[in-house]
Amino acid sequence: MDIETDGDRLVLNGAFDVRSTWEVRNAIYDHLDSRDEDLVIDLTGVDSIDVTALRVLAVATRRAVSLGHHLTLRGCGPAVRRLLHLSRLIRVVEVEREAATA
């Protein structure tokens, strides 16, 4: 998992699964604890994701809210959206709507 910080965004690239959840969790919490701004997590470059990773994002969302911040997921592909719906975590996290193409 490659994690890049770009202002108010964390850009994730690679496999986001049980093996990388600790690293991503720490990056998210470090961002939330050290900055007074909302956070966007860009998943465009994520090759694969599992339910454990989605749960990390759900818990991070709740933590962000408790700190007075807002956490949004960007670049969620069909597989990520499907898992969010199947796990019912879509009720907890905010997924940025993609612009409609003409």
C-alpha atoms as a PDB file:
ATOM      1  CA  MET A   1       0.000   0.000   0.000  1.00  0.00           C
ATOM      2  CA  ASP A   2       1.305   3.395  -1.018  1.00  0.00           C
ATOM      3  CA  ILE A   3      -0.121   6.379   0.887  1.00  0.00           C
ATOM      4  CA  GLU A   4       0.430   9.945  -0.290  1.00  0.00           C
ATOM      5  CA  THR A   5      -0.694  13.108   1.457  1.00  0.00           C
ATOM      6  CA  ASP A   6      -1.878  15.919  -0.780  1.00  0.00           C
ATOM      7  CA  GLY A   7      -3.275  18.753   1.340  1.00  0.00           C
ATOM      8  CA  ASP A   8      -6.610  17.578   2.701  1.00  0.00           C
ATOM      9  CA  ARG A   9      -6.410  14.285   0.760  1.00  0.00           C
ATOM     10  CA  LEU A  10      -4.909  10.908   1.465  1.00  0.00           C
ATOM     11  CA  VAL A  11      -4.311   9.125  -1.823  1.00  0.00           C
ATOM     12  CA  LEU A  12      -4.187   5.337  -1.516  1.00  0.00           C
ATOM     13  CA  ASN A  13      -2.654   3.072  -4.165  1.00  0.00           C
ATOM     14  CA  GLY A  14      -2.417  -0.703  -4.159  1.00  0.00           C
ATOM     15  CA  ALA A  15      -4.199  -3.438  -2.243  1.00  0.00           C
ATOM     16  CA  PHE A  16      -6.207  -2.167   0.715  1.00  0.00           C
ATOM     17  CA  ASP A  17      -6.840  -5.254   2.774  1.00  0.00           C
ATOM     18  CA  VAL A  18      -6.181  -6.734   6.188  1.00  0.00           C
ATOM     19  CA  ARG A  19      -2.406  -6.505   5.614  1.00  0.00           C
ATOM     20  CA  SER A  20      -2.446  -2.735   5.067  1.00  0.00           C
ATOM     21  CA  THR A  21      -5.231  -1.604   7.396  1.00  0.00           C
ATOM     22  CA  TRP A  22      -2.888  -0.711  10.265  1.00  0.00           C
ATOM     23  CA  GLU A  23      -0.780   1.534   8.018  1.00  0.00           C
ATOM     24  CA  VAL A  24      -3.829   3.268   6.523  1.00  0.00           C
ATOM     25  CA  ARG A  25      -5.497   3.629   9.925  1.00  0.00           C
ATOM     26  CA  ASN A  26      -2.399   5.333  11.335  1.00  0.00           C
ATOM     27  CA  ALA A  27      -2.172   7.700   8.351  1.00  0.00           C
ATOM     28  CA  ILE A  28      -5.835   8.671   8.724  1.00  0.00           C
ATOM     29  CA  TYR A  29      -5.609   9.205  12.478  1.00  0.00           C
ATOM     30  CA  ASP A  30      -2.367  11.186  12.161  1.00  0.00           C
ATOM     31  CA  HIS A  31      -4.081  13.438   9.630  1.00  0.00           C
ATOM     32  CA  LEU A  32      -7.187  13.913  11.770  1.00  0.00           C
ATOM     33  CA  ASP A  33      -5.196  14.555  14.949  1.00  0.00           C
ATOM     34  CA  SER A  34      -2.679  16.982  13.442  1.00  0.00           C
ATOM     35  CA  ARG A  35      -4.865  19.107  11.160  1.00  0.00           C
ATOM     36  CA  ASP A  36      -7.964  21.159  11.611  1.00  0.00           C
ATOM     37  CA  GLU A  37      -9.571  20.296   8.282  1.00  0.00           C
ATOM     38  CA  ASP A  38     -11.833  17.778   6.656  1.00  0.00           C
ATOM     39  CA  LEU A  39     -10.316  14.713   5.017  1.00  0.00           C
ATOM     40  CA  VAL A  40     -10.840  13.150   1.604  1.00  0.00           C
ATOM     41  CA  ILE A  41      -9.590   9.611   1.083  1.00  0.00           C
ATOM     42  CA  ASP A  42      -8.959   8.976  -2.602  1.00  0.00           C
ATOM     43  CA  LEU A  43      -9.394   5.295  -3.462  1.00  0.00           C
ATOM     44  CA  THR A  44      -8.985   5.694  -7.228  1.00  0.00           C
ATOM     45  CA  GLY A  45      -5.684   3.784  -7.226  1.00  0.00           C
ATOM     46  CA  VAL A  46      -6.853   0.961  -4.954  1.00  0.00           C
ATOM     47  CA  ASP A  47      -6.591  -2.381  -6.784  1.00  0.00           C
ATOM     48  CA  SER A  48      -8.530  -4.459  -4.276  1.00  0.00           C
ATOM     49  CA  ILE A  49     -10.294  -3.936  -0.974  1.00  0.00           C
ATOM     50  CA  ASP A  50     -11.818  -6.150   1.690  1.00  0.00           C
ATOM     51  CA  VAL A  51     -14.408  -5.706   4.417  1.00  0.00           C
ATOM     52  CA  THR A  52     -11.725  -5.228   7.084  1.00  0.00           C
ATOM     53  CA  ALA A  53     -10.438  -2.187   5.200  1.00  0.00           C
ATOM     54  CA  LEU A  54     -13.948  -0.799   4.831  1.00  0.00           C
ATOM     55  CA  ARG A  55     -14.490  -1.156   8.562  1.00  0.00           C
ATOM     56  CA  VAL A  56     -11.330   0.900   9.155  1.00  0.00           C
ATOM     57  CA  LEU A  57     -12.850   3.639   6.991  1.00  0.00           C
ATOM     58  CA  ALA A  58     -16.151   3.446   8.873  1.00  0.00           C
ATOM     59  CA  VAL A  59     -14.455   3.743  12.273  1.00  0.00           C
ATOM     60  CA  ALA A  60     -12.286   6.592  10.961  1.00  0.00           C
ATOM     61  CA  THR A  61     -15.444   8.363   9.797  1.00  0.00           C
ATOM     62  CA  ARG A  62     -16.898   8.182  13.279  1.00  0.00           C
ATOM     63  CA  ARG A  63     -13.643   9.428  14.770  1.00  0.00           C
ATOM     64  CA  ALA A  64     -13.573  12.342  12.317  1.00  0.00           C
ATOM     65  CA  VAL A  65     -17.114  13.312  13.304  1.00  0.00           C
ATOM     66  CA  SER A  66     -16.240  13.124  16.993  1.00  0.00           C
ATOM     67  CA  LEU A  67     -13.341  15.531  16.333  1.00  0.00           C
ATOM     68  CA  GLY A  68     -15.598  17.900  14.409  1.00  0.00           C
ATOM     69  CA  HIS A  69     -14.250  16.913  10.986  1.00  0.00           C
ATOM     70  CA  HIS A  70     -15.774  15.392   7.897  1.00  0.00           C
ATOM     71  CA  LEU A  71     -14.393  12.336   6.049  1.00  0.00           C
ATOM     72  CA  THR A  72     -15.325  11.618   2.430  1.00  0.00           C
ATOM     73  CA  LEU A  73     -14.356   8.717   0.175  1.00  0.00           C
ATOM     74  CA  ARG A  74     -13.466   9.624  -3.414  1.00  0.00           C
ATOM     75  CA  GLY A  75     -12.875   7.443  -6.449  1.00  0.00           C
ATOM     76  CA  CYS A  76     -14.805   4.417  -5.232  1.00  0.00           C
ATOM     77  CA  GLY A  77     -15.110   1.927  -8.050  1.00  0.00           C
ATOM     78  CA  PRO A  78     -18.009  -0.480  -8.519  1.00  0.00           C
ATOM     79  CA  ALA A  79     -16.407  -3.218  -6.397  1.00  0.00           C
ATOM     80  CA  VAL A  80     -15.886  -0.858  -3.458  1.00  0.00           C
ATOM     81  CA  ARG A  81     -19.438   0.464  -3.720  1.00  0.00           C
ATOM     82  CA  ARG A  82     -20.807  -3.070  -3.885  1.00  0.00           C
ATOM     83  CA  LEU A  83     -18.921  -4.091  -0.728  1.00  0.00           C
ATOM     84  CA  LEU A  84     -20.088  -0.945   1.052  1.00  0.00           C
ATOM     85  CA  HIS A  85     -23.691  -1.856   0.268  1.00  0.00           C
ATOM     86  CA  LEU A  86     -23.316  -5.560   1.105  1.00  0.00           C
ATOM     87  CA  SER A  87     -21.653  -4.786   4.434  1.00  0.00           C
ATOM     88  CA  ARG A  88     -24.165  -1.991   5.092  1.00  0.00           C
ATOM     89  CA  LEU A  89     -21.270   0.342   5.852  1.00  0.00           C
ATOM     90  CA  ILE A  90     -22.664   2.693   3.217  1.00  0.00           C
ATOM     91  CA  ARG A  91     -24.857   3.962   6.055  1.00  0.00           C
ATOM     92  CA  VAL A  92     -21.786   5.111   7.971  1.00  0.00           C
ATOM     93  CA  VAL A  93     -19.356   6.487   5.386  1.00  0.00           C
ATOM     94  CA  GLU A  94     -19.851   9.281   2.892  1.00  0.00           C
ATOM     95  CA  VAL A  95     -18.997   8.482  -0.711  1.00  0.00           C
ATOM     96  CA  GLU A  96     -18.441  11.400  -3.042  1.00  0.00           C
ATOM     97  CA  ARG A  97     -20.807  11.382  -5.981  1.00  0.00           C
ATOM     98  CA  GLU A  98     -19.140  11.161  -9.356  1.00  0.00           C
ATOM     99  CA  ALA A  99     -19.960  13.746 -11.964  1.00  0.00           C
ATOM    100  CA  ALA A 100     -22.281  12.469 -14.657  1.00  0.00           C
ATOM    101  CA  THR A 101     -20.787  12.287 -18.123  1.00  0.00           C
ATOM    102  CA  ALA A 102     -22.716  13.546 -21.138  1.00  0.00           C
END
